[in-house]
Amino acid sequence: MNRLLLSMLSGIILALGWPTYGFPILLFFAFVPLLLVERQLRLSNAKLKSLKIFGLSYLTFLIWNAITTSWLRFADPFGAGFAVFVNSALMALIILLYHKYANRQSQNRSLLFLVVLWISFEKLHLGWEFSWPWLNLGNGFSNYISWVQWYEYTGTFGGTLWVWILNTLIFKGAITYQTEKSKPVLKSLLLKCAGLIIAPILISLAIYNSYSHEGNTVNVIALQPNIDPYSEKYNITNLKFADLFFELSNSKITDSTDFVIAPETFLAEGTRLKQFDNSLVKNKFDRYVLEHPNVNLLTGISFYDMFKDARRIRKETNVYKFSPNTWYDDYNAALLINSTDTVQQYNKSKLVVGVENFPYQDVLKPLIGDAMIDLGGTIAMKTTQDYRSVFTGINPNHKAAPIICYESVYGEFVTGYVRNDANFLAIITNDAWWNVTQGHKQHLSYAKLRAVETRRDIVRSANTGVSAIINAKGDITSTLAYGEKGALSGQLITNDKITFYVMAGDYIARISIFILIFVGLIGFFRRKKEQL
């Protein structure tokens, strides 16, 4: 088959296997056409092999990225283009490095190199300043959560490894069948593949059907104000938002309500950090909790902290342009307000590239200037914190992880809250930037993975949907649809037990990085092997 068509086929299969519309079985052989293209070129007498392999690989990943994440264009066309084109190039670079390695080493060693290289790339995407782990392969099973209940032991890297084991097995089988044209070889391949797909699913189903945990009941209300972030959100005062909070909350609140959750930056009017305790909006919330002394109010808020002390400047600090020698820290924060005297605060610490942080600004700012993207609010670098704060309710047995929007995509990051004693997860988000697209659907779907990894129930409050209650098995038990204004009430069960993944984190990725260094050094510094 034409190399171009095979490369396109891999991209299409990857896209068709992705949530929330796809079927993840397709992921198990999606890379095979591309690997066959690479092998065919490697063993040919063609000129400019490396350039052709990079170009064909880029086509594969451009198709995959464009189909699955083109919804980013609703927030910013430039940001969408950057994410799609650059991420495709990074993925194509992985195939090119594999090609270079396979030129020197045996097939088995080369495929091992490819698998650990890809896993290491996914780990990089979780940690560097251009972080974009949306298409990490383990996320591909989020809509079939009953297949991957063993994520409580492996995290999503277990899913990535699963995908690559099947792809390499099918690739090797296809080569053998091309050579031998043997039906027994084909039969053996099909049986092996069926076993490697079915066995993990059966194990997962057994875990799914037997899992349960005991804990305290938490009665929650998730608010969904349905405010357009482009035309309304940043033109409404915090006092009016407070009134909306109480209006929505009162539609569901009872004497047994423990938590009322409002979405990310619900209080969007910038508030000076040191003035909040004496503000009118804080006074309104205080009066409300006096009327409901057992209720905890968890809400998103935009804070800023201005100062003139140059010793406080850090990487994320912004220059205040209207006053000399003045700087400010800008926070996308979560607050917990209740009848105690203490307001608990957490600052969002996994930031959206180009919107909330300027990656590698020391290098890039002199080249491209200030390239922060305006999504309706203040254009500024957000200030983060190293510690994963946990909010303790009036009932000290209720400990919530305040996870803000994009943070819910990061598995090991979320385990930090659980290691700090969170016994349920509260995700506050604003998914309206992407309109009615796969963006908000995928974001909700990925939250289910965090429930399984940590075995924590989740309450999710979204500005414009989808707000949801998710149990510790990853099942969505109730929702408010996108674009619907209202409040969603439900019950969570706390869990104080720690899963293996919470303890070990992304150990599969760390092991892969070690293997990558080892086989990489061997592969690139030992003599060239005969091609297979």
Protein backbone atom coordinates (compact mmCIF):
# COMPACT_ATOMS: atom_id res chain seq x y z
CA MET A 1 0.00 0.00 0.00
CA ASN A 2 1.22 3.53 -0.69
CA ARG A 3 3.34 4.92 2.16
CA LEU A 4 1.34 8.13 2.24
CA LEU A 5 -1.92 6.24 2.63
CA LEU A 6 -0.50 4.04 5.38
CA SER A 7 0.69 7.10 7.28
CA MET A 8 -2.72 8.71 6.93
CA LEU A 9 -4.36 5.47 8.02
CA SER A 10 -2.44 5.46 11.32
CA GLY A 11 -3.56 9.02 12.06
CA ILE A 12 -7.18 8.25 11.27
CA ILE A 13 -7.20 5.09 13.40
CA LEU A 14 -5.67 6.95 16.35
CA ALA A 15 -8.34 9.63 16.05
CA LEU A 16 -11.15 7.09 15.77
CA GLY A 17 -9.92 5.39 18.92
CA TRP A 18 -10.03 8.53 21.06
CA PRO A 19 -12.67 9.55 23.61
CA THR A 20 -15.33 10.55 23.78
CA TYR A 21 -16.62 9.41 20.40
CA GLY A 22 -14.10 6.66 19.58
CA PHE A 23 -13.53 2.98 20.36
CA PRO A 24 -10.20 2.36 22.16
CA ILE A 25 -9.66 -1.14 20.73
CA LEU A 26 -8.45 0.70 17.63
CA LEU A 27 -5.50 2.10 19.59
CA PHE A 28 -4.03 -1.40 19.87
CA PHE A 29 -3.04 -1.44 16.20
CA ALA A 30 -3.13 2.24 15.26
CA PHE A 31 0.67 2.62 15.06
CA VAL A 32 1.20 -0.52 12.95
CA PRO A 33 0.73 1.09 9.50
CA LEU A 34 3.22 3.84 10.42
CA LEU A 35 5.74 1.32 11.74
CA LEU A 36 5.43 -0.65 8.49
CA VAL A 37 6.11 2.55 6.55
CA GLU A 38 9.22 3.23 8.63
CA ARG A 39 10.53 -0.32 8.15
CA GLN A 40 9.87 -0.28 4.43
CA LEU A 41 11.79 2.98 4.04
CA ARG A 42 14.59 1.85 6.33
CA LEU A 43 15.23 -1.28 4.29
CA SER A 44 14.90 0.49 0.94
CA ASN A 45 17.46 2.32 -1.17
CA ALA A 46 15.50 5.55 -1.02
CA LYS A 47 17.32 8.83 -0.56
CA LEU A 48 16.63 11.26 2.28
CA LYS A 49 15.14 8.49 4.41
CA SER A 50 15.16 10.45 7.64
CA LEU A 51 13.41 13.42 6.09
CA LYS A 52 10.76 11.20 4.51
CA ILE A 53 10.16 9.30 7.74
CA PHE A 54 9.79 12.52 9.70
CA GLY A 55 7.41 13.93 7.10
CA LEU A 56 5.22 10.83 6.95
CA SER A 57 5.18 10.52 10.74
CA TYR A 58 4.29 14.18 11.01
CA LEU A 59 1.33 13.58 8.70
CA THR A 60 0.13 10.75 10.96
CA PHE A 61 0.28 12.81 14.12
CA LEU A 62 -1.04 15.96 12.49
CA ILE A 63 -4.21 14.07 11.56
CA TRP A 64 -4.55 12.65 15.07
CA ASN A 65 -3.89 15.97 16.84
CA ALA A 66 -6.08 18.00 14.49
CA ILE A 67 -9.10 15.72 14.75
CA THR A 68 -8.95 15.22 18.51
CA THR A 69 -7.88 18.68 19.76
CA SER A 70 -8.90 21.16 17.07
CA TRP A 71 -11.59 22.38 19.50
CA LEU A 72 -8.84 24.53 21.02
CA ARG A 73 -9.47 27.00 18.18
CA PHE A 74 -12.61 28.25 19.97
CA ALA A 75 -10.38 29.64 22.73
CA ASP A 76 -7.55 30.88 20.52
CA PRO A 77 -6.68 29.99 16.89
CA PHE A 78 -2.97 30.66 17.41
CA GLY A 79 -2.84 28.52 20.55
CA ALA A 80 -4.70 25.71 18.78
CA GLY A 81 -2.35 25.83 15.82
CA PHE A 82 0.69 25.87 18.08
CA ALA A 83 -0.52 22.88 20.10
CA VAL A 84 -1.44 20.82 17.04
CA PHE A 85 1.62 21.57 14.90
CA VAL A 86 4.25 21.44 17.66
CA ASN A 87 2.85 18.36 19.38
CA SER A 88 2.71 16.57 16.02
CA ALA A 89 6.36 17.47 15.41
CA LEU A 90 7.43 16.14 18.81
CA MET A 91 5.64 12.85 18.17
CA ALA A 92 7.19 12.59 14.70
CA LEU A 93 10.60 13.16 16.27
CA ILE A 94 10.06 10.04 18.39
CA ILE A 95 9.55 7.93 15.24
CA LEU A 96 12.63 9.51 13.67
CA LEU A 97 14.75 8.63 16.74
CA TYR A 98 13.38 5.10 16.59
CA HIS A 99 14.38 4.95 12.92
CA LYS A 100 17.94 6.04 13.78
CA TYR A 101 18.11 3.44 16.52
CA ALA A 102 16.62 0.66 14.39
CA ASN A 103 19.32 1.30 11.78
CA ARG A 104 21.87 0.09 14.32
CA GLN A 105 20.12 -2.51 16.44
CA SER A 106 17.95 -5.62 16.33
CA GLN A 107 14.20 -5.46 15.92
CA ASN A 108 13.38 -6.42 19.52
CA ARG A 109 15.82 -3.95 21.03
CA SER A 110 14.61 -1.23 18.67
CA LEU A 111 10.98 -1.79 19.61
CA LEU A 112 11.88 -1.72 23.31
CA PHE A 113 13.63 1.58 22.65
CA LEU A 114 10.52 2.94 20.92
CA VAL A 115 8.17 1.94 23.73
CA VAL A 116 10.25 3.43 26.55
CA LEU A 117 10.99 6.51 24.43
CA TRP A 118 7.26 7.16 23.93
CA ILE A 119 6.50 6.65 27.62
CA SER A 120 9.35 8.99 28.53
CA PHE A 121 7.92 11.57 26.12
CA GLU A 122 4.54 11.32 27.83
CA LYS A 123 6.23 11.84 31.19
CA LEU A 124 7.99 14.91 29.78
CA HIS A 125 4.60 16.25 28.69
CA LEU A 126 3.43 16.06 32.29
CA GLY A 127 6.29 18.08 33.69
CA TRP A 128 7.89 20.61 31.36
CA GLU A 129 6.68 24.16 30.74
CA PHE A 130 5.09 23.27 27.38
CA SER A 131 3.07 20.61 29.16
CA TRP A 132 0.27 19.16 27.04
CA PRO A 133 -0.59 15.60 28.18
CA TRP A 134 -4.06 15.59 26.60
CA LEU A 135 -3.13 12.86 24.10
CA ASN A 136 -1.17 10.62 26.45
CA LEU A 137 -2.29 7.17 25.32
CA GLY A 138 -3.54 5.99 28.71
CA ASN A 139 -6.22 8.70 28.56
CA GLY A 140 -7.74 6.86 25.60
CA PHE A 141 -9.68 4.47 27.85
CA SER A 142 -11.46 7.13 29.90
CA ASN A 143 -14.85 6.41 28.33
CA TYR A 144 -14.45 2.68 28.97
CA ILE A 145 -13.54 3.01 32.61
CA SER A 146 -14.57 -0.55 33.48
CA TRP A 147 -11.67 -1.79 31.29
CA VAL A 148 -8.97 -0.04 33.31
CA GLN A 149 -9.85 -0.40 36.97
CA TRP A 150 -6.24 -1.56 37.44
CA TYR A 151 -5.20 2.08 36.96
CA GLU A 152 -5.31 2.18 40.77
CA TYR A 153 -2.04 0.23 40.51
CA THR A 154 -0.48 1.66 37.34
CA GLY A 155 -2.01 5.05 36.58
CA THR A 156 -2.56 5.96 32.93
CA PHE A 157 0.97 4.84 32.01
CA GLY A 158 -0.34 1.30 32.42
CA GLY A 159 -2.72 2.06 29.57
CA THR A 160 0.07 3.52 27.44
CA LEU A 161 2.18 0.41 27.99
CA TRP A 162 -0.81 -1.79 27.14
CA VAL A 163 -1.32 0.03 23.84
CA TRP A 164 2.32 -0.25 22.85
CA ILE A 165 2.66 -3.94 23.77
CA LEU A 166 -0.20 -4.73 21.40
CA ASN A 167 1.11 -2.50 18.63
CA THR A 168 4.60 -4.00 18.73
CA LEU A 169 3.22 -7.55 18.86
CA ILE A 170 0.95 -6.95 15.86
CA PHE A 171 3.75 -5.19 13.98
CA LYS A 172 6.12 -8.13 14.49
CA GLY A 173 3.39 -10.59 13.56
CA ALA A 174 2.60 -8.65 10.37
CA ILE A 175 6.28 -8.79 9.34
CA THR A 176 6.45 -12.53 10.02
CA TYR A 177 3.26 -13.17 8.08
CA GLN A 178 4.52 -11.09 5.15
CA THR A 179 7.62 -13.29 5.05
CA GLU A 180 6.13 -16.73 5.68
CA LYS A 181 2.51 -16.39 4.53
CA SER A 182 1.67 -18.95 7.18
CA LYS A 183 -1.85 -19.39 8.55
CA PRO A 184 -0.56 -20.89 11.84
CA VAL A 185 1.51 -17.73 12.33
CA LEU A 186 -1.57 -15.59 11.77
CA LYS A 187 -3.65 -17.77 14.08
CA SER A 188 -1.01 -17.59 16.81
CA LEU A 189 -0.86 -13.81 16.47
CA LEU A 190 -4.62 -13.45 16.75
CA LEU A 191 -4.73 -15.66 19.85
CA LYS A 192 -1.92 -13.73 21.55
CA CYS A 193 -3.55 -10.41 20.78
CA ALA A 194 -6.95 -11.58 21.97
CA GLY A 195 -5.40 -12.81 25.21
CA LEU A 196 -3.51 -9.58 25.84
CA ILE A 197 -6.66 -7.53 25.24
CA ILE A 198 -9.21 -9.73 26.98
CA ALA A 199 -7.20 -10.71 30.08
CA PRO A 200 -6.64 -7.14 31.40
CA ILE A 201 -10.28 -6.31 30.66
CA LEU A 202 -11.50 -9.37 32.58
CA ILE A 203 -9.24 -8.51 35.51
CA SER A 204 -10.57 -4.97 35.43
CA LEU A 205 -14.19 -6.12 35.31
CA ALA A 206 -13.56 -8.36 38.32
CA ILE A 207 -12.14 -5.39 40.24
CA TYR A 208 -14.99 -3.17 39.07
CA ASN A 209 -17.71 -5.58 40.19
CA SER A 210 -16.13 -6.28 43.57
CA TYR A 211 -14.89 -2.82 44.54
CA SER A 212 -16.45 -0.94 47.45
CA HIS A 213 -15.28 1.25 50.28
CA GLU A 214 -16.66 2.57 53.53
CA GLY A 215 -16.45 6.12 54.77
CA ASN A 216 -18.35 9.18 55.86
CA THR A 217 -21.17 10.61 53.77
CA VAL A 218 -20.63 14.07 52.29
CA ASN A 219 -23.70 15.86 50.98
CA VAL A 220 -22.61 18.21 48.21
CA ILE A 221 -24.08 20.76 45.83
CA ALA A 222 -22.25 21.64 42.62
CA LEU A 223 -23.25 25.00 41.15
CA GLN A 224 -23.38 25.59 37.40
CA PRO A 225 -24.01 29.33 36.75
CA ASN A 226 -23.77 29.04 32.94
CA ILE A 227 -22.06 32.41 32.42
CA ASP A 228 -20.50 33.15 29.03
CA PRO A 229 -16.79 33.77 29.80
CA TYR A 230 -16.27 35.79 26.63
CA SER A 231 -19.11 38.31 26.97
CA GLU A 232 -20.38 38.22 30.58
CA LYS A 233 -18.10 36.66 33.18
CA TYR A 234 -15.54 39.43 33.50
CA ASN A 235 -18.13 42.22 33.36
CA ILE A 236 -20.04 41.17 36.49
CA THR A 237 -19.07 42.25 40.00
CA ASN A 238 -18.24 39.77 42.75
CA LEU A 239 -21.22 41.04 44.74
CA LYS A 240 -23.59 40.01 41.95
CA PHE A 241 -21.81 36.66 41.65
CA ALA A 242 -22.27 36.17 45.40
CA ASP A 243 -26.01 36.74 44.95
CA LEU A 244 -26.01 34.18 42.13
CA PHE A 245 -24.14 31.75 44.38
CA PHE A 246 -26.82 32.03 47.05
CA GLU A 247 -29.65 31.84 44.51
CA LEU A 248 -28.37 28.59 43.02
CA SER A 249 -27.38 27.14 46.38
CA ASN A 250 -30.76 27.88 47.95
CA SER A 251 -32.50 25.84 45.26
CA LYS A 252 -30.93 22.66 46.69
CA ILE A 253 -29.57 23.38 50.16
CA THR A 254 -30.89 21.44 53.17
CA ASP A 255 -29.91 21.09 56.81
CA SER A 256 -27.74 18.09 55.86
CA THR A 257 -25.73 19.89 53.14
CA ASP A 258 -21.98 19.77 53.86
CA PHE A 259 -20.35 21.46 50.85
CA VAL A 260 -21.50 23.90 48.19
CA ILE A 261 -19.03 24.02 45.29
CA ALA A 262 -18.79 26.87 42.78
CA PRO A 263 -16.62 26.77 39.63
CA GLU A 264 -13.17 28.09 38.78
CA THR A 265 -12.82 31.91 39.05
CA PHE A 266 -16.49 32.15 39.98
CA LEU A 267 -15.59 35.40 41.73
CA ALA A 268 -13.90 36.74 38.61
CA GLU A 269 -13.53 40.40 39.53
CA GLY A 270 -9.90 40.77 40.57
CA THR A 271 -9.66 41.06 44.36
CA ARG A 272 -6.63 42.28 46.25
CA LEU A 273 -5.51 39.42 48.45
CA LYS A 274 -4.95 41.43 51.62
CA GLN A 275 -8.31 43.18 51.35
CA PHE A 276 -10.53 40.13 50.91
CA ASP A 277 -11.17 39.47 54.60
CA ASN A 278 -12.67 42.96 55.01
CA SER A 279 -14.50 43.05 51.69
CA LEU A 280 -18.25 43.30 51.16
CA VAL A 281 -18.33 40.00 49.28
CA LYS A 282 -16.61 38.19 52.17
CA ASN A 283 -19.14 39.76 54.52
CA LYS A 284 -21.95 38.35 52.36
CA PHE A 285 -20.47 34.85 52.49
CA ASP A 286 -19.98 35.14 56.25
CA ARG A 287 -23.64 36.01 56.75
CA TYR A 288 -24.65 33.05 54.59
CA VAL A 289 -22.61 30.55 56.64
CA LEU A 290 -24.06 32.00 59.83
CA GLU A 291 -27.45 30.97 58.46
CA HIS A 292 -26.04 27.56 57.50
CA PRO A 293 -23.38 26.88 60.16
CA ASN A 294 -22.62 23.33 59.02
CA VAL A 295 -22.01 24.27 55.38
CA ASN A 296 -18.64 24.76 53.71
CA LEU A 297 -18.52 27.07 50.69
CA LEU A 298 -15.81 26.18 48.18
CA THR A 299 -15.40 28.62 45.31
CA GLY A 300 -12.94 29.77 42.69
CA ILE A 301 -11.67 33.35 42.85
CA SER A 302 -9.22 35.67 41.08
CA PHE A 303 -6.73 37.27 43.47
CA TYR A 304 -3.82 39.64 43.03
CA ASP A 305 -1.16 40.82 45.46
CA MET A 306 0.71 44.07 44.68
CA PHE A 307 4.05 44.97 46.25
CA LYS A 308 7.14 47.16 45.89
CA ASP A 309 9.64 44.92 47.65
CA ALA A 310 11.95 43.67 44.89
CA ARG A 311 13.09 40.79 47.10
CA ARG A 312 9.64 39.20 46.62
CA ILE A 313 9.98 38.98 42.85
CA ARG A 314 9.94 35.46 41.48
CA LYS A 315 9.66 33.85 38.09
CA GLU A 316 5.86 34.16 37.96
CA THR A 317 5.68 37.77 39.19
CA ASN A 318 4.24 40.37 36.83
CA VAL A 319 5.36 43.96 36.32
CA TYR A 320 2.71 46.57 37.07
CA LYS A 321 3.10 48.92 34.11
CA PHE A 322 1.23 51.89 35.58
CA SER A 323 3.45 52.48 38.58
CA PRO A 324 7.25 52.43 38.76
CA ASN A 325 8.97 49.74 40.84
CA THR A 326 5.70 47.94 41.44
CA TRP A 327 4.99 44.26 40.86
CA TYR A 328 2.11 41.88 41.48
CA ASP A 329 1.38 38.19 41.83
CA ASP A 330 -1.79 36.97 40.14
CA TYR A 331 -3.63 33.94 41.52
CA ASN A 332 -6.25 31.59 40.10
CA ALA A 333 -7.32 30.40 43.52
CA ALA A 334 -9.82 28.25 45.38
CA LEU A 335 -11.25 29.29 48.77
CA LEU A 336 -13.07 27.45 51.51
CA ILE A 337 -15.29 29.64 53.67
CA ASN A 338 -17.25 28.30 56.64
CA SER A 339 -18.31 29.36 60.13
CA THR A 340 -14.76 29.20 61.46
CA ASP A 341 -12.55 32.29 61.46
CA THR A 342 -10.09 30.84 58.95
CA VAL A 343 -10.38 31.10 55.16
CA GLN A 344 -8.53 28.24 53.47
CA GLN A 345 -6.83 29.02 50.14
CA TYR A 346 -5.19 27.03 47.36
CA ASN A 347 -3.53 28.53 44.26
CA LYS A 348 -3.78 26.73 40.93
CA SER A 349 -0.37 25.21 40.17
CA LYS A 350 -0.71 23.34 36.86
CA LEU A 351 -1.21 26.16 34.41
CA VAL A 352 -2.52 26.38 30.85
CA VAL A 353 0.36 27.15 28.49
CA GLY A 354 0.13 30.61 26.92
CA VAL A 355 -2.95 31.56 28.95
CA GLU A 356 -1.74 31.31 32.55
CA ASN A 357 1.99 30.92 32.05
CA PHE A 358 4.64 32.00 29.58
CA PRO A 359 6.91 28.97 29.09
CA TYR A 360 10.67 29.49 29.09
CA GLN A 361 10.17 33.24 28.99
CA ASP A 362 13.87 33.97 29.53
CA VAL A 363 14.53 32.44 26.11
CA LEU A 364 11.28 33.13 24.26
CA LYS A 365 10.31 36.62 25.41
CA PRO A 366 13.26 38.34 23.68
CA LEU A 367 12.31 36.47 20.48
CA ILE A 368 8.51 36.76 20.32
CA GLY A 369 7.63 39.42 22.90
CA ASP A 370 4.75 39.05 25.34
CA ALA A 371 2.66 36.28 23.80
CA MET A 372 0.14 35.67 26.58
CA ILE A 373 -3.34 34.86 25.27
CA ASP A 374 -6.33 36.91 26.47
CA LEU A 375 -9.31 34.76 27.43
CA GLY A 376 -11.40 37.54 28.88
CA GLY A 377 -9.66 38.22 32.19
CA THR A 378 -6.38 39.76 33.22
CA ILE A 379 -3.50 38.84 30.93
CA ALA A 380 -0.87 37.81 33.47
CA MET A 381 1.34 34.98 34.60
CA LYS A 382 -0.34 33.07 37.41
CA THR A 383 1.46 32.46 40.68
CA THR A 384 1.54 28.86 41.87
CA GLN A 385 2.39 26.95 45.02
CA ASP A 386 4.39 23.78 45.61
CA TYR A 387 2.13 22.31 48.28
CA ARG A 388 -1.16 20.56 47.43
CA SER A 389 -3.52 22.17 49.96
CA VAL A 390 -6.41 20.13 51.34
CA PHE A 391 -9.55 21.87 52.63
CA THR A 392 -10.90 20.59 55.93
CA GLY A 393 -14.62 21.09 56.50
CA ILE A 394 -16.61 21.87 59.62
CA ASN A 395 -16.72 18.11 60.07
CA PRO A 396 -12.98 17.33 60.36
CA ASN A 397 -13.57 13.98 58.65
CA HIS A 398 -14.43 15.82 55.42
CA LYS A 399 -11.23 16.69 53.56
CA ALA A 400 -11.54 18.02 50.03
CA ALA A 401 -8.90 18.26 47.32
CA PRO A 402 -9.49 21.64 45.56
CA ILE A 403 -8.47 20.71 41.99
CA ILE A 404 -8.69 23.62 39.57
CA CYS A 405 -9.61 22.87 35.94
CA TYR A 406 -6.57 21.71 33.92
CA GLU A 407 -4.98 20.18 37.03
CA SER A 408 -7.43 17.28 36.79
CA VAL A 409 -5.60 15.98 33.69
CA TYR A 410 -2.46 15.21 35.75
CA GLY A 411 -2.61 11.87 37.53
CA GLU A 412 0.47 11.98 39.75
CA PHE A 413 -0.19 15.66 40.53
CA VAL A 414 -3.64 14.79 41.90
CA THR A 415 -2.17 12.05 44.09
CA GLY A 416 -0.39 14.86 45.98
CA TYR A 417 -3.73 15.96 47.44
CA VAL A 418 -4.51 12.41 48.51
CA ARG A 419 -1.12 11.97 50.14
CA ASN A 420 -2.01 15.14 52.08
CA ASP A 421 -5.11 13.33 53.40
CA ALA A 422 -7.83 14.41 50.94
CA ASN A 423 -10.63 11.85 51.13
CA PHE A 424 -12.68 13.20 48.24
CA LEU A 425 -11.92 15.33 45.19
CA ALA A 426 -13.58 18.63 44.26
CA ILE A 427 -12.88 19.74 40.69
CA ILE A 428 -13.79 23.33 39.83
CA THR A 429 -13.53 24.30 36.18
CA ASN A 430 -14.67 26.53 33.35
CA ASP A 431 -15.04 24.55 30.12
CA ALA A 432 -17.03 27.14 28.20
CA TRP A 433 -13.96 28.39 26.30
CA TRP A 434 -14.32 25.51 23.84
CA ASN A 435 -18.02 25.77 23.03
CA VAL A 436 -20.04 22.60 22.41
CA THR A 437 -17.09 20.46 21.26
CA GLN A 438 -15.13 17.42 22.36
CA GLY A 439 -13.06 19.69 24.64
CA HIS A 440 -15.41 19.78 27.60
CA LYS A 441 -16.48 16.17 27.03
CA GLN A 442 -12.91 14.87 27.08
CA HIS A 443 -12.09 16.97 30.15
CA LEU A 444 -15.00 15.44 32.04
CA SER A 445 -14.08 11.96 30.82
CA TYR A 446 -10.48 12.29 32.03
CA ALA A 447 -11.75 13.13 35.53
CA LYS A 448 -13.02 9.56 35.75
CA LEU A 449 -9.42 8.34 35.51
CA ARG A 450 -8.51 10.34 38.63
CA ALA A 451 -11.36 8.67 40.54
CA VAL A 452 -10.02 5.20 39.74
CA GLU A 453 -6.35 6.06 40.34
CA THR A 454 -7.07 7.50 43.78
CA ARG A 455 -10.31 5.66 44.60
CA ARG A 456 -11.89 8.94 45.59
CA ASP A 457 -15.41 10.15 44.84
CA ILE A 458 -15.53 13.40 42.86
CA VAL A 459 -17.81 16.42 42.82
CA ARG A 460 -17.25 18.55 39.72
CA SER A 461 -18.54 22.12 39.40
CA ALA A 462 -18.27 23.59 35.90
CA ASN A 463 -19.23 27.11 34.92
CA THR A 464 -20.95 26.01 31.70
CA GLY A 465 -20.98 22.25 32.06
CA VAL A 466 -20.67 19.49 32.55
CA SER A 467 -21.04 19.46 36.34
CA ALA A 468 -21.09 15.94 37.72
CA ILE A 469 -20.89 13.49 40.59
CA ILE A 470 -18.41 10.65 39.94
CA ASN A 471 -17.95 7.65 42.20
CA ALA A 472 -14.65 5.97 43.09
CA LYS A 473 -15.09 3.41 40.29
CA GLY A 474 -15.19 6.21 37.73
CA ASP A 475 -18.92 6.04 37.07
CA ILE A 476 -20.70 9.32 36.45
CA THR A 477 -23.79 9.03 38.63
CA SER A 478 -25.42 12.41 37.87
CA THR A 479 -24.78 15.46 35.70
CA LEU A 480 -25.97 18.90 34.66
CA ALA A 481 -25.79 19.21 30.88
CA TYR A 482 -23.62 21.72 29.06
CA GLY A 483 -25.35 25.09 28.83
CA GLU A 484 -27.80 24.37 31.64
CA LYS A 485 -27.98 26.75 34.59
CA GLY A 486 -28.65 25.21 37.97
CA ALA A 487 -27.35 23.24 40.93
CA LEU A 488 -26.57 19.53 41.19
CA SER A 489 -26.93 17.81 44.56
CA GLY A 490 -25.57 14.41 45.47
CA GLN A 491 -23.73 12.29 47.99
CA LEU A 492 -20.08 11.30 48.16
CA ILE A 493 -18.44 8.69 50.36
CA THR A 494 -15.06 9.60 51.78
CA ASN A 495 -12.15 7.16 51.52
CA ASP A 496 -9.00 7.26 53.65
CA LYS A 497 -7.27 4.28 52.06
CA ILE A 498 -4.29 4.86 49.77
CA THR A 499 -3.98 3.08 46.43
CA PHE A 500 -0.69 1.68 45.14
CA TYR A 501 -0.62 4.36 42.45
CA VAL A 502 -1.02 7.13 45.02
CA MET A 503 2.01 5.71 46.86
CA ALA A 504 4.19 4.95 43.83
CA GLY A 505 3.10 7.60 41.33
CA ASP A 506 4.31 7.35 37.73
CA TYR A 507 6.75 4.52 38.45
CA ILE A 508 6.22 3.00 34.98
CA ALA A 509 7.48 6.23 33.45
CA ARG A 510 10.46 6.40 35.80
CA ILE A 511 11.44 2.82 35.00
CA SER A 512 11.03 3.58 31.29
CA ILE A 513 13.36 6.58 31.54
CA PHE A 514 15.99 4.37 33.20
CA ILE A 515 15.64 1.70 30.49
CA LEU A 516 15.72 4.39 27.79
CA ILE A 517 19.06 5.70 29.04
CA PHE A 518 20.48 2.18 29.26
CA VAL A 519 19.34 0.85 25.87
CA GLY A 520 20.00 4.24 24.26
CA LEU A 521 23.63 4.23 25.33
CA ILE A 522 24.04 0.64 24.20
CA GLY A 523 22.25 1.22 20.92
CA PHE A 524 23.98 4.36 19.75
CA PHE A 525 27.50 3.46 20.87
CA ARG A 526 27.73 -0.19 19.90
CA ARG A 527 28.40 -1.39 16.39
CA LYS A 528 25.61 -1.52 13.84
CA LYS A 529 23.57 -4.76 13.70
CA GLU A 530 22.41 -6.55 10.61
CA GLN A 531 19.00 -5.20 9.51
CA LEU A 532 15.94 -7.34 10.12
